[in-house]
């Protein structure tokens, strides 16, 4: 399965030891630090993954993918008193490598190669 998900904490950090470090030009609404913490969890999982400006995609078996999403959401949750999780799943038993395979098939139809 492939899961595309996005997490966004709001409110004051629930972890009192956490100090937010906002980059130059960022305001208090920025969540890049929380998202980076969540993406770190995903990447350390060892599962195939891709991150874009809006979502992180992860591919694997149901249990392992959902466990990583849970852990990433909990990590992002440290940065706020509440967290919003948006999740979309493509559940296709018996298929692997679709994180790249789907994009490659689109690029073939368009007559190009994956960028």
PDB file of N, CA and C in Angstrom:
ATOM      1  N   UNK A   1       0.836  -1.182   0.000  1.00  0.00           N
ATOM      2  CA  UNK A   1       0.000   0.000   0.000  1.00  0.00           C
ATOM      3  C   UNK A   1       0.877   1.241   0.000  1.00  0.00           C
ATOM      4  N   UNK A   2       0.330   2.311  -0.532  1.00  0.00           N
ATOM      5  CA  UNK A   2       0.976   3.617  -0.467  1.00  0.00           C
ATOM      6  C   UNK A   2       0.074   4.522   0.364  1.00  0.00           C
ATOM      7  N   UNK A   3       0.681   5.229   1.294  1.00  0.00           N
ATOM      8  CA  UNK A   3      -0.051   6.211   2.076  1.00  0.00           C
ATOM      9  C   UNK A   3       0.603   7.567   1.852  1.00  0.00           C
ATOM     10  N   UNK A   4      -0.207   8.549   1.513  1.00  0.00           N
ATOM     11  CA  UNK A   4       0.225   9.936   1.452  1.00  0.00           C
ATOM     12  C   UNK A   4      -0.383  10.615   2.670  1.00  0.00           C
ATOM     13  N   UNK A   5       0.460  11.252   3.472  1.00  0.00           N
ATOM     14  CA  UNK A   5      -0.090  11.897   4.657  1.00  0.00           C
ATOM     15  C   UNK A   5       0.588  13.225   4.933  1.00  0.00           C
ATOM     16  N   UNK A   6      -0.124  14.032   5.701  1.00  0.00           N
ATOM     17  CA  UNK A   6       0.355  15.349   6.096  1.00  0.00           C
ATOM     18  C   UNK A   6      -0.035  15.556   7.551  1.00  0.00           C
ATOM     19  N   UNK A   7       0.883  16.081   8.341  1.00  0.00           N
ATOM     20  CA  UNK A   7       0.594  16.397   9.735  1.00  0.00           C
ATOM     21  C   UNK A   7       0.822  17.884   9.973  1.00  0.00           C
ATOM     22  N   UNK A   8      -0.016  18.465  10.827  1.00  0.00           N
ATOM     23  CA  UNK A   8       0.129  19.882  11.153  1.00  0.00           C
ATOM     24  C   UNK A   8      -0.262  20.110  12.601  1.00  0.00           C
ATOM     25  N   UNK A   9       0.732  20.397  13.449  1.00  0.00           N
ATOM     26  CA  UNK A   9       0.404  20.715  14.834  1.00  0.00           C
ATOM     27  C   UNK A   9      -0.056  22.167  14.952  1.00  0.00           C
ATOM     28  N   UNK A  10      -0.886  22.434  15.945  1.00  0.00           N
ATOM     29  CA  UNK A  10      -1.309  23.797  16.253  1.00  0.00           C
ATOM     30  C   UNK A  10      -1.233  23.994  17.760  1.00  0.00           C
ATOM     31  N   UNK A  11      -1.202  25.224  18.179  1.00  0.00           N
ATOM     32  CA  UNK A  11      -1.140  25.548  19.596  1.00  0.00           C
ATOM     33  C   UNK A  11       0.280  25.513  20.121  1.00  0.00           C
ATOM     34  N   UNK A  12       0.387  25.719  21.404  1.00  0.00           N
ATOM     35  CA  UNK A  12       1.687  25.700  22.062  1.00  0.00           C
ATOM     36  C   UNK A  12       2.216  24.278  22.130  1.00  0.00           C
ATOM     37  N   UNK A  13       3.538  24.092  22.082  1.00  0.00           N
ATOM     38  CA  UNK A  13       4.104  22.743  22.164  1.00  0.00           C
ATOM     39  C   UNK A  13       3.629  21.991  23.409  1.00  0.00           C
ATOM     40  N   UNK A  14       3.242  20.742  23.224  1.00  0.00           N
ATOM     41  CA  UNK A  14       2.826  19.911  24.351  1.00  0.00           C
ATOM     42  C   UNK A  14       4.032  19.391  25.121  1.00  0.00           C
ATOM     43  N   UNK A  15       5.186  19.393  24.493  1.00  0.00           N
ATOM     44  CA  UNK A  15       6.429  18.977  25.130  1.00  0.00           C
ATOM     45  C   UNK A  15       7.101  20.234  25.697  1.00  0.00           C
ATOM     46  N   UNK A  16       7.110  20.374  27.040  1.00  0.00           N
ATOM     47  CA  UNK A  16       7.660  21.600  27.635  1.00  0.00           C
ATOM     48  C   UNK A  16       9.167  21.760  27.432  1.00  0.00           C
ATOM     49  N   UNK A  17       9.860  20.706  27.048  1.00  0.00           N
ATOM     50  CA  UNK A  17      11.297  20.807  26.822  1.00  0.00           C
ATOM     51  C   UNK A  17      11.625  21.248  25.403  1.00  0.00           C
ATOM     52  N   UNK A  18      10.615  21.315  24.565  1.00  0.00           N
ATOM     53  CA  UNK A  18      10.823  21.633  23.154  1.00  0.00           C
ATOM     54  C   UNK A  18      10.976  23.130  22.948  1.00  0.00           C
ATOM     55  N   UNK A  19      12.011  23.504  22.227  1.00  0.00           N
ATOM     56  CA  UNK A  19      12.218  24.892  21.840  1.00  0.00           C
ATOM     57  C   UNK A  19      12.147  24.948  20.326  1.00  0.00           C
ATOM     58  N   UNK A  20      11.170  25.697  19.823  1.00  0.00           N
ATOM     59  CA  UNK A  20      11.022  25.823  18.370  1.00  0.00           C
ATOM     60  C   UNK A  20      12.073  26.754  17.822  1.00  0.00           C
ATOM     61  N   UNK A  21      12.697  26.354  16.738  1.00  0.00           N
ATOM     62  CA  UNK A  21      13.693  27.185  16.075  1.00  0.00           C
ATOM     63  C   UNK A  21      13.165  27.559  14.705  1.00  0.00           C
ATOM     64  N   UNK A  22      12.655  28.773  14.604  1.00  0.00           N
ATOM     65  CA  UNK A  22      12.082  29.236  13.345  1.00  0.00           C
ATOM     66  C   UNK A  22      13.171  29.815  12.453  1.00  0.00           C
ATOM     67  N   UNK A  23      13.143  29.452  11.208  1.00  0.00           N
ATOM     68  CA  UNK A  23      14.116  29.953  10.230  1.00  0.00           C
ATOM     69  C   UNK A  23      13.849  31.423   9.941  1.00  0.00           C
ATOM     70  N   UNK A  24      14.853  32.105   9.417  1.00  0.00           N
ATOM     71  CA  UNK A  24      14.685  33.504   9.018  1.00  0.00           C
ATOM     72  C   UNK A  24      13.496  33.634   8.086  1.00  0.00           C
ATOM     73  N   UNK A  25      12.649  34.595   8.356  1.00  0.00           N
ATOM     74  CA  UNK A  25      11.489  34.838   7.515  1.00  0.00           C
ATOM     75  C   UNK A  25      10.272  34.017   7.890  1.00  0.00           C
ATOM     76  N   UNK A  26      10.418  33.070   8.820  1.00  0.00           N
ATOM     77  CA  UNK A  26       9.276  32.251   9.250  1.00  0.00           C
ATOM     78  C   UNK A  26       8.526  32.970  10.354  1.00  0.00           C
ATOM     79  N   UNK A  27       7.241  32.692  10.441  1.00  0.00           N
ATOM     80  CA  UNK A  27       6.468  33.249  11.552  1.00  0.00           C
ATOM     81  C   UNK A  27       5.996  32.112  12.450  1.00  0.00           C
ATOM     82  N   UNK A  28       5.272  32.434  13.478  1.00  0.00           N
ATOM     83  CA  UNK A  28       4.846  31.435  14.465  1.00  0.00           C
ATOM     84  C   UNK A  28       3.932  30.373  13.855  1.00  0.00           C
ATOM     85  N   UNK A  29       3.329  30.666  12.707  1.00  0.00           N
ATOM     86  CA  UNK A  29       2.447  29.690  12.062  1.00  0.00           C
ATOM     87  C   UNK A  29       3.227  28.624  11.301  1.00  0.00           C
ATOM     88  N   UNK A  30       4.515  28.831  11.117  1.00  0.00           N
ATOM     89  CA  UNK A  30       5.333  27.867  10.379  1.00  0.00           C
ATOM     90  C   UNK A  30       5.407  26.546  11.135  1.00  0.00           C
ATOM     91  N   UNK A  31       5.294  25.450  10.399  1.00  0.00           N
ATOM     92  CA  UNK A  31       5.358  24.124  11.019  1.00  0.00           C
ATOM     93  C   UNK A  31       6.503  23.289  10.441  1.00  0.00           C
ATOM     94  N   UNK A  32       7.458  23.937   9.775  1.00  0.00           N
ATOM     95  CA  UNK A  32       8.529  23.184   9.125  1.00  0.00           C
ATOM     96  C   UNK A  32       9.353  22.364  10.117  1.00  0.00           C
ATOM     97  N   UNK A  33       9.535  22.844  11.318  1.00  0.00           N
ATOM     98  CA  UNK A  33      10.317  22.085  12.296  1.00  0.00           C
ATOM     99  C   UNK A  33       9.588  20.814  12.710  1.00  0.00           C
ATOM    100  N   UNK A  34       8.289  20.905  12.910  1.00  0.00           N
ATOM    101  CA  UNK A  34       7.485  19.736  13.268  1.00  0.00           C
ATOM    102  C   UNK A  34       7.416  18.751  12.113  1.00  0.00           C
ATOM    103  N   UNK A  35       7.251  19.265  10.902  1.00  0.00           N
ATOM    104  CA  UNK A  35       7.190  18.398   9.726  1.00  0.00           C
ATOM    105  C   UNK A  35       8.521  17.692   9.525  1.00  0.00           C
ATOM    106  N   UNK A  36       9.615  18.411   9.715  1.00  0.00           N
ATOM    107  CA  UNK A  36      10.939  17.788   9.584  1.00  0.00           C
ATOM    108  C   UNK A  36      11.107  16.660  10.599  1.00  0.00           C
ATOM    109  N   UNK A  37      10.630  16.854  11.809  1.00  0.00           N
ATOM    110  CA  UNK A  37      10.723  15.806  12.832  1.00  0.00           C
ATOM    111  C   UNK A  37       9.912  14.578  12.414  1.00  0.00           C
ATOM    112  N   UNK A  38       8.736  14.805  11.836  1.00  0.00           N
ATOM    113  CA  UNK A  38       7.898  13.692  11.376  1.00  0.00           C
ATOM    114  C   UNK A  38       8.540  12.984  10.183  1.00  0.00           C
ATOM    115  N   UNK A  39       9.079  13.750   9.239  1.00  0.00           N
ATOM    116  CA  UNK A  39       9.717  13.162   8.057  1.00  0.00           C
ATOM    117  C   UNK A  39      10.947  12.353   8.467  1.00  0.00           C
ATOM    118  N   UNK A  40      11.655  12.811   9.471  1.00  0.00           N
ATOM    119  CA  UNK A  40      12.819  12.060   9.960  1.00  0.00           C
ATOM    120  C   UNK A  40      12.397  10.646  10.409  1.00  0.00           C
ATOM    121  N   UNK A  41      11.276  10.561  11.110  1.00  0.00           N
ATOM    122  CA  UNK A  41      10.744   9.258  11.548  1.00  0.00           C
ATOM    123  C   UNK A  41      10.454   8.384  10.332  1.00  0.00           C
ATOM    124  N   UNK A  42       9.822   8.961   9.327  1.00  0.00           N
ATOM    125  CA  UNK A  42       9.471   8.219   8.115  1.00  0.00           C
ATOM    126  C   UNK A  42      10.731   7.713   7.414  1.00  0.00           C
ATOM    127  N   UNK A  43      11.692   8.576   7.218  1.00  0.00           N
ATOM    128  CA  UNK A  43      12.909   8.190   6.502  1.00  0.00           C
ATOM    129  C   UNK A  43      13.713   7.144   7.268  1.00  0.00           C
ATOM    130  N   UNK A  44      13.722   7.239   8.582  1.00  0.00           N
ATOM    131  CA  UNK A  44      14.455   6.257   9.383  1.00  0.00           C
ATOM    132  C   UNK A  44      13.774   4.885   9.399  1.00  0.00           C
ATOM    133  N   UNK A  45      12.530   4.812   8.920  1.00  0.00           N
ATOM    134  CA  UNK A  45      11.804   3.537   8.893  1.00  0.00           C
ATOM    135  C   UNK A  45      12.422   2.552   7.913  1.00  0.00           C
ATOM    136  N   UNK A  46      13.121   3.060   6.901  1.00  0.00           N
ATOM    137  CA  UNK A  46      13.703   2.200   5.878  1.00  0.00           C
ATOM    138  C   UNK A  46      12.732   1.829   4.773  1.00  0.00           C
ATOM    139  N   UNK A  47      11.485   2.250   4.873  1.00  0.00           N
ATOM    140  CA  UNK A  47      10.499   1.980   3.824  1.00  0.00           C
ATOM    141  C   UNK A  47      10.676   2.990   2.690  1.00  0.00           C
ATOM    142  N   UNK A  48      10.244   2.628   1.469  1.00  0.00           N
ATOM    143  CA  UNK A  48      10.301   3.596   0.370  1.00  0.00           C
ATOM    144  C   UNK A  48       9.457   4.818   0.714  1.00  0.00           C
ATOM    145  N   UNK A  49      10.002   5.997   0.468  1.00  0.00           N
ATOM    146  CA  UNK A  49       9.321   7.229   0.841  1.00  0.00           C
ATOM    147  C   UNK A  49       9.660   8.355  -0.126  1.00  0.00           C
ATOM    148  N   UNK A  50       8.785   9.328  -0.179  1.00  0.00           N
ATOM    149  CA  UNK A  50       9.001  10.525  -0.993  1.00  0.00           C
ATOM    150  C   UNK A  50       8.303  11.675  -0.263  1.00  0.00           C
ATOM    151  N   UNK A  51       8.958  12.820  -0.207  1.00  0.00           N
ATOM    152  CA  UNK A  51       8.366  13.991   0.430  1.00  0.00           C
ATOM    153  C   UNK A  51       8.245  15.108  -0.590  1.00  0.00           C
ATOM    154  N   UNK A  52       7.083  15.733  -0.624  1.00  0.00           N
ATOM    155  CA  UNK A  52       6.859  16.900  -1.474  1.00  0.00           C
ATOM    156  C   UNK A  52       6.485  18.069  -0.573  1.00  0.00           C
ATOM    157  N   UNK A  53       6.134  19.173  -1.166  1.00  0.00           N
ATOM    158  CA  UNK A  53       5.806  20.364  -0.381  1.00  0.00           C
ATOM    159  C   UNK A  53       4.536  20.201   0.452  1.00  0.00           C
ATOM    160  N   UNK A  54       3.692  19.245   0.099  1.00  0.00           N
ATOM    161  CA  UNK A  54       2.412  19.105   0.794  1.00  0.00           C
ATOM    162  C   UNK A  54       2.225  17.772   1.519  1.00  0.00           C
ATOM    163  N   UNK A  55       2.849  16.708   1.037  1.00  0.00           N
ATOM    164  CA  UNK A  55       2.622  15.379   1.602  1.00  0.00           C
ATOM    165  C   UNK A  55       3.920  14.583   1.676  1.00  0.00           C
ATOM    166  N   UNK A  56       3.900  13.584   2.524  1.00  0.00           N
ATOM    167  CA  UNK A  56       4.933  12.560   2.540  1.00  0.00           C
ATOM    168  C   UNK A  56       4.248  11.261   2.163  1.00  0.00           C
ATOM    169  N   UNK A  57       4.851  10.522   1.231  1.00  0.00           N
ATOM    170  CA  UNK A  57       4.326   9.229   0.803  1.00  0.00           C
ATOM    171  C   UNK A  57       5.230   8.144   1.351  1.00  0.00           C
ATOM    172  N   UNK A  58       4.617   7.045   1.727  1.00  0.00           N
ATOM    173  CA  UNK A  58       5.365   5.906   2.251  1.00  0.00           C
ATOM    174  C   UNK A  58       4.709   4.638   1.719  1.00  0.00           C
ATOM    175  N   UNK A  59       5.539   3.643   1.362  1.00  0.00           N
ATOM    176  CA  UNK A  59       5.025   2.405   0.780  1.00  0.00           C
ATOM    177  C   UNK A  59       5.464   1.207   1.609  1.00  0.00           C
ATOM    178  N   UNK A  60       4.539   0.284   1.813  1.00  0.00           N
ATOM    179  CA  UNK A  60       4.843  -0.942   2.533  1.00  0.00           C
ATOM    180  C   UNK A  60       3.560  -1.687   2.874  1.00  0.00           C
ATOM    181  N   UNK A  61       3.687  -2.624   3.796  1.00  0.00           N
ATOM    182  CA  UNK A  61       2.524  -3.380   4.257  1.00  0.00           C
ATOM    183  C   UNK A  61       1.709  -2.531   5.238  1.00  0.00           C
ATOM    184  N   UNK A  62       0.419  -2.823   5.317  1.00  0.00           N
ATOM    185  CA  UNK A  62      -0.519  -2.053   6.139  1.00  0.00           C
ATOM    186  C   UNK A  62       0.026  -1.763   7.539  1.00  0.00           C
ATOM    187  N   UNK A  63       0.392  -2.778   8.269  1.00  0.00           N
ATOM    188  CA  UNK A  63       0.825  -2.614   9.649  1.00  0.00           C
ATOM    189  C   UNK A  63       2.069  -1.760   9.790  1.00  0.00           C
ATOM    190  N   UNK A  64       3.052  -1.992   8.932  1.00  0.00           N
ATOM    191  CA  UNK A  64       4.300  -1.239   9.057  1.00  0.00           C
ATOM    192  C   UNK A  64       4.118   0.213   8.644  1.00  0.00           C
ATOM    193  N   UNK A  65       3.325   0.465   7.604  1.00  0.00           N
ATOM    194  CA  UNK A  65       3.090   1.838   7.158  1.00  0.00           C
ATOM    195  C   UNK A  65       2.312   2.611   8.221  1.00  0.00           C
ATOM    196  N   UNK A  66       1.254   2.025   8.736  1.00  0.00           N
ATOM    197  CA  UNK A  66       0.430   2.724   9.718  1.00  0.00           C
ATOM    198  C   UNK A  66       1.191   2.969  11.023  1.00  0.00           C
ATOM    199  N   UNK A  67       2.082   2.077  11.379  1.00  0.00           N
ATOM    200  CA  UNK A  67       2.910   2.283  12.567  1.00  0.00           C
ATOM    201  C   UNK A  67       3.835   3.486  12.374  1.00  0.00           C
ATOM    202  N   UNK A  68       4.407   3.617  11.195  1.00  0.00           N
ATOM    203  CA  UNK A  68       5.280   4.760  10.914  1.00  0.00           C
ATOM    204  C   UNK A  68       4.461   6.051  10.920  1.00  0.00           C
ATOM    205  N   UNK A  69       3.276   6.037  10.328  1.00  0.00           N
ATOM    206  CA  UNK A  69       2.410   7.219  10.330  1.00  0.00           C
ATOM    207  C   UNK A  69       2.056   7.594  11.771  1.00  0.00           C
ATOM    208  N   UNK A  70       1.740   6.613  12.592  1.00  0.00           N
ATOM    209  CA  UNK A  70       1.414   6.874  14.002  1.00  0.00           C
ATOM    210  C   UNK A  70       2.590   7.549  14.705  1.00  0.00           C
ATOM    211  N   UNK A  71       3.773   6.978  14.542  1.00  0.00           N
ATOM    212  CA  UNK A  71       4.955   7.519  15.212  1.00  0.00           C
ATOM    213  C   UNK A  71       5.292   8.928  14.709  1.00  0.00           C
ATOM    214  N   UNK A  72       5.171   9.144  13.401  1.00  0.00           N
ATOM    215  CA  UNK A  72       5.445  10.469  12.831  1.00  0.00           C
ATOM    216  C   UNK A  72       4.435  11.498  13.341  1.00  0.00           C
ATOM    217  N   UNK A  73       3.177  11.097  13.451  1.00  0.00           N
ATOM    218  CA  UNK A  73       2.136  11.994  13.952  1.00  0.00           C
ATOM    219  C   UNK A  73       2.390  12.345  15.417  1.00  0.00           C
ATOM    220  N   UNK A  74       2.772  11.357  16.201  1.00  0.00           N
ATOM    221  CA  UNK A  74       3.090  11.616  17.611  1.00  0.00           C
ATOM    222  C   UNK A  74       4.280  12.563  17.738  1.00  0.00           C
ATOM    223  N   UNK A  75       5.278  12.388  16.896  1.00  0.00           N
ATOM    224  CA  UNK A  75       6.453  13.260  16.940  1.00  0.00           C
ATOM    225  C   UNK A  75       6.065  14.695  16.592  1.00  0.00           C
ATOM    226  N   UNK A  76       5.272  14.875  15.548  1.00  0.00           N
ATOM    227  CA  UNK A  76       4.810  16.217  15.179  1.00  0.00           C
ATOM    228  C   UNK A  76       3.941  16.798  16.287  1.00  0.00           C
ATOM    229  N   UNK A  77       3.206  15.952  16.973  1.00  0.00           N
ATOM    230  CA  UNK A  77       2.331  16.391  18.054  1.00  0.00           C
ATOM    231  C   UNK A  77       3.058  17.031  19.219  1.00  0.00           C
ATOM    232  N   UNK A  78       4.329  16.727  19.373  1.00  0.00           N
ATOM    233  CA  UNK A  78       5.123  17.362  20.432  1.00  0.00           C
ATOM    234  C   UNK A  78       5.223  18.873  20.214  1.00  0.00           C
ATOM    235  N   UNK A  79       5.037  19.318  18.973  1.00  0.00           N
ATOM    236  CA  UNK A  79       5.189  20.721  18.614  1.00  0.00           C
ATOM    237  C   UNK A  79       3.896  21.517  18.764  1.00  0.00           C
ATOM    238  N   UNK A  80       2.848  20.909  19.253  1.00  0.00           N
ATOM    239  CA  UNK A  80       1.580  21.608  19.433  1.00  0.00           C
ATOM    240  C   UNK A  80       0.716  20.909  20.464  1.00  0.00           C
ATOM    241  N   UNK A  81      -0.396  21.543  20.792  1.00  0.00           N
ATOM    242  CA  UNK A  81      -1.344  20.941  21.730  1.00  0.00           C
ATOM    243  C   UNK A  81      -2.395  20.121  20.998  1.00  0.00           C
ATOM    244  N   UNK A  82      -2.357  20.207  19.673  1.00  0.00           N
ATOM    245  CA  UNK A  82      -3.310  19.490  18.825  1.00  0.00           C
ATOM    246  C   UNK A  82      -2.617  19.224  17.501  1.00  0.00           C
ATOM    247  N   UNK A  83      -2.973  18.120  16.842  1.00  0.00           N
ATOM    248  CA  UNK A  83      -2.368  17.827  15.547  1.00  0.00           C
ATOM    249  C   UNK A  83      -3.439  17.375  14.570  1.00  0.00           C
ATOM    250  N   UNK A  84      -3.352  17.885  13.349  1.00  0.00           N
ATOM    251  CA  UNK A  84      -4.256  17.487  12.276  1.00  0.00           C
ATOM    252  C   UNK A  84      -3.516  16.506  11.380  1.00  0.00           C
ATOM    253  N   UNK A  85      -4.174  15.393  11.055  1.00  0.00           N
ATOM    254  CA  UNK A  85      -3.599  14.376  10.181  1.00  0.00           C
ATOM    255  C   UNK A  85      -4.515  14.205   8.978  1.00  0.00           C
ATOM    256  N   UNK A  86      -3.940  14.387   7.790  1.00  0.00           N
ATOM    257  CA  UNK A  86      -4.648  14.118   6.537  1.00  0.00           C
ATOM    258  C   UNK A  86      -3.975  12.906   5.931  1.00  0.00           C
ATOM    259  N   UNK A  87      -4.763  11.897   5.559  1.00  0.00           N
ATOM    260  CA  UNK A  87      -4.198  10.645   5.066  1.00  0.00           C
ATOM    261  C   UNK A  87      -5.004  10.139   3.877  1.00  0.00           C
ATOM    262  N   UNK A  88      -4.290   9.716   2.852  1.00  0.00           N
ATOM    263  CA  UNK A  88      -4.914   9.082   1.685  1.00  0.00           C
ATOM    264  C   UNK A  88      -4.136   7.811   1.410  1.00  0.00           C
ATOM    265  N   UNK A  89      -4.846   6.707   1.185  1.00  0.00           N
ATOM    266  CA  UNK A  89      -4.180   5.423   0.981  1.00  0.00           C
ATOM    267  C   UNK A  89      -4.603   4.784  -0.332  1.00  0.00           C
ATOM    268  N   UNK A  90      -3.629   4.159  -1.000  1.00  0.00           N
ATOM    269  CA  UNK A  90      -3.866   3.338  -2.185  1.00  0.00           C
ATOM    270  C   UNK A  90      -3.543   1.914  -1.761  1.00  0.00           C
ATOM    271  N   UNK A  91      -4.577   1.134  -1.546  1.00  0.00           N
ATOM    272  CA  UNK A  91      -4.416  -0.236  -1.042  1.00  0.00           C
ATOM    273  C   UNK A  91      -4.576  -1.182  -2.224  1.00  0.00           C
ATOM    274  N   UNK A  92      -3.463  -1.796  -2.617  1.00  0.00           N
ATOM    275  CA  UNK A  92      -3.452  -2.658  -3.799  1.00  0.00           C
ATOM    276  C   UNK A  92      -2.615  -3.895  -3.489  1.00  0.00           C
ATOM    277  N   UNK A  93      -3.223  -4.900  -2.870  1.00  0.00           N
ATOM    278  CA  UNK A  93      -2.481  -6.104  -2.484  1.00  0.00           C
ATOM    279  C   UNK A  93      -1.755  -6.744  -3.666  1.00  0.00           C
ATOM    280  N   UNK A  94      -0.548  -7.223  -3.371  1.00  0.00           N
ATOM    281  CA  UNK A  94       0.236  -7.917  -4.382  1.00  0.00           C
ATOM    282  C   UNK A  94       1.093  -7.027  -5.254  1.00  0.00           C
ATOM    283  N   UNK A  95       1.078  -5.728  -5.008  1.00  0.00           N
ATOM    284  CA  UNK A  95       1.876  -4.805  -5.811  1.00  0.00           C
ATOM    285  C   UNK A  95       2.921  -4.133  -4.935  1.00  0.00           C
ATOM    286  N   UNK A  96       4.149  -4.068  -5.448  1.00  0.00           N
ATOM    287  CA  UNK A  96       5.245  -3.393  -4.768  1.00  0.00           C
ATOM    288  C   UNK A  96       5.915  -2.450  -5.755  1.00  0.00           C
ATOM    289  N   UNK A  97       6.655  -1.496  -5.236  1.00  0.00           N
ATOM    290  CA  UNK A  97       7.381  -0.572  -6.107  1.00  0.00           C
ATOM    291  C   UNK A  97       6.500   0.431  -6.807  1.00  0.00           C
ATOM    292  N   UNK A  98       5.302   0.625  -6.308  1.00  0.00           N
ATOM    293  CA  UNK A  98       4.362   1.518  -6.977  1.00  0.00           C
ATOM    294  C   UNK A  98       4.619   2.984  -6.683  1.00  0.00           C
ATOM    295  N   UNK A  99       5.377   3.275  -5.652  1.00  0.00           N
ATOM    296  CA  UNK A  99       5.721   4.663  -5.365  1.00  0.00           C
ATOM    297  C   UNK A  99       6.417   5.280  -6.577  1.00  0.00           C
ATOM    298  N   UNK A 100       7.292   4.519  -7.197  1.00  0.00           N
ATOM    299  CA  UNK A 100       7.953   4.961  -8.426  1.00  0.00           C
ATOM    300  C   UNK A 100       7.218   4.484  -9.673  1.00  0.00           C
ATOM    301  N   UNK A 101       6.651   3.287  -9.623  1.00  0.00           N
ATOM    302  CA  UNK A 101       5.998   2.696 -10.784  1.00  0.00           C
ATOM    303  C   UNK A 101       4.865   3.534 -11.340  1.00  0.00           C
ATOM    304  N   UNK A 102       4.051   4.102 -10.455  1.00  0.00           N
ATOM    305  CA  UNK A 102       2.934   4.928 -10.910  1.00  0.00           C
ATOM    306  C   UNK A 102       3.436   6.155 -11.669  1.00  0.00           C
ATOM    307  N   UNK A 103       4.473   6.792 -11.146  1.00  0.00           N
ATOM    308  CA  UNK A 103       5.029   7.985 -11.783  1.00  0.00           C
ATOM    309  C   UNK A 103       5.667   7.625 -13.120  1.00  0.00           C
ATOM    310  N   UNK A 104       6.383   6.518 -13.171  1.00  0.00           N
ATOM    311  CA  UNK A 104       7.024   6.093 -14.419  1.00  0.00           C
ATOM    312  C   UNK A 104       5.996   5.835 -15.516  1.00  0.00           C
ATOM    313  N   UNK A 105       4.868   5.223 -15.175  1.00  0.00           N
ATOM    314  CA  UNK A 105       3.835   4.963 -16.178  1.00  0.00           C
ATOM    315  C   UNK A 105       3.242   6.261 -16.716  1.00  0.00           C
ATOM    316  N   UNK A 106       3.079   7.253 -15.863  1.00  0.00           N
ATOM    317  CA  UNK A 106       2.569   8.550 -16.312  1.00  0.00           C
ATOM    318  C   UNK A 106       3.575   9.206 -17.251  1.00  0.00           C
ATOM    319  N   UNK A 107       4.846   9.158 -16.861  1.00  0.00           N
ATOM    320  CA  UNK A 107       5.887   9.762 -17.693  1.00  0.00           C
ATOM    321  C   UNK A 107       5.977   9.059 -19.063  1.00  0.00           C
ATOM    322  N   UNK A 108       5.767   7.758 -19.110  1.00  0.00           N
ATOM    323  CA  UNK A 108       5.769   7.047 -20.388  1.00  0.00           C
ATOM    324  C   UNK A 108       4.643   7.560 -21.278  1.00  0.00           C
ATOM    325  N   UNK A 109       3.479   7.738 -20.712  1.00  0.00           N
ATOM    326  CA  UNK A 109       2.335   8.233 -21.483  1.00  0.00           C
ATOM    327  C   UNK A 109       2.623   9.650 -21.993  1.00  0.00           C
ATOM    328  N   UNK A 110       3.295  10.442 -21.179  1.00  0.00           N
ATOM    329  CA  UNK A 110       3.604  11.822 -21.565  1.00  0.00           C
ATOM    330  C   UNK A 110       4.783  11.913 -22.520  1.00  0.00           C
ATOM    331  N   UNK A 111       5.478  10.768 -22.719  1.00  0.00           N
ATOM    332  CA  UNK A 111       6.581  10.730 -23.672  1.00  0.00           C
ATOM    333  C   UNK A 111       7.887  11.241 -23.128  1.00  0.00           C
ATOM    334  N   UNK A 112       7.989  11.351 -21.822  1.00  0.00           N
ATOM    335  CA  UNK A 112       9.229  11.829 -21.234  1.00  0.00           C
ATOM    336  C   UNK A 112       9.793  10.794 -20.280  1.00  0.00           C
ATOM    337  N   UNK A 113      10.723  11.223 -19.500  1.00  0.00           N
ATOM    338  CA  UNK A 113      11.254  10.360 -18.458  1.00  0.00           C
ATOM    339  C   UNK A 113      11.051  11.062 -17.144  1.00  0.00           C
ATOM    340  N   UNK A 114      11.106  10.289 -16.075  1.00  0.00           N
ATOM    341  CA  UNK A 114      10.876  10.847 -14.737  1.00  0.00           C
ATOM    342  C   UNK A 114      11.912  11.919 -14.437  1.00  0.00           C
ATOM    343  N   UNK A 115      11.437  13.055 -13.968  1.00  0.00           N
ATOM    344  CA  UNK A 115      12.330  14.177 -13.645  1.00  0.00           C
ATOM    345  C   UNK A 115      12.982  13.987 -12.304  1.00  0.00           C
TER     346      UNK A 115
END
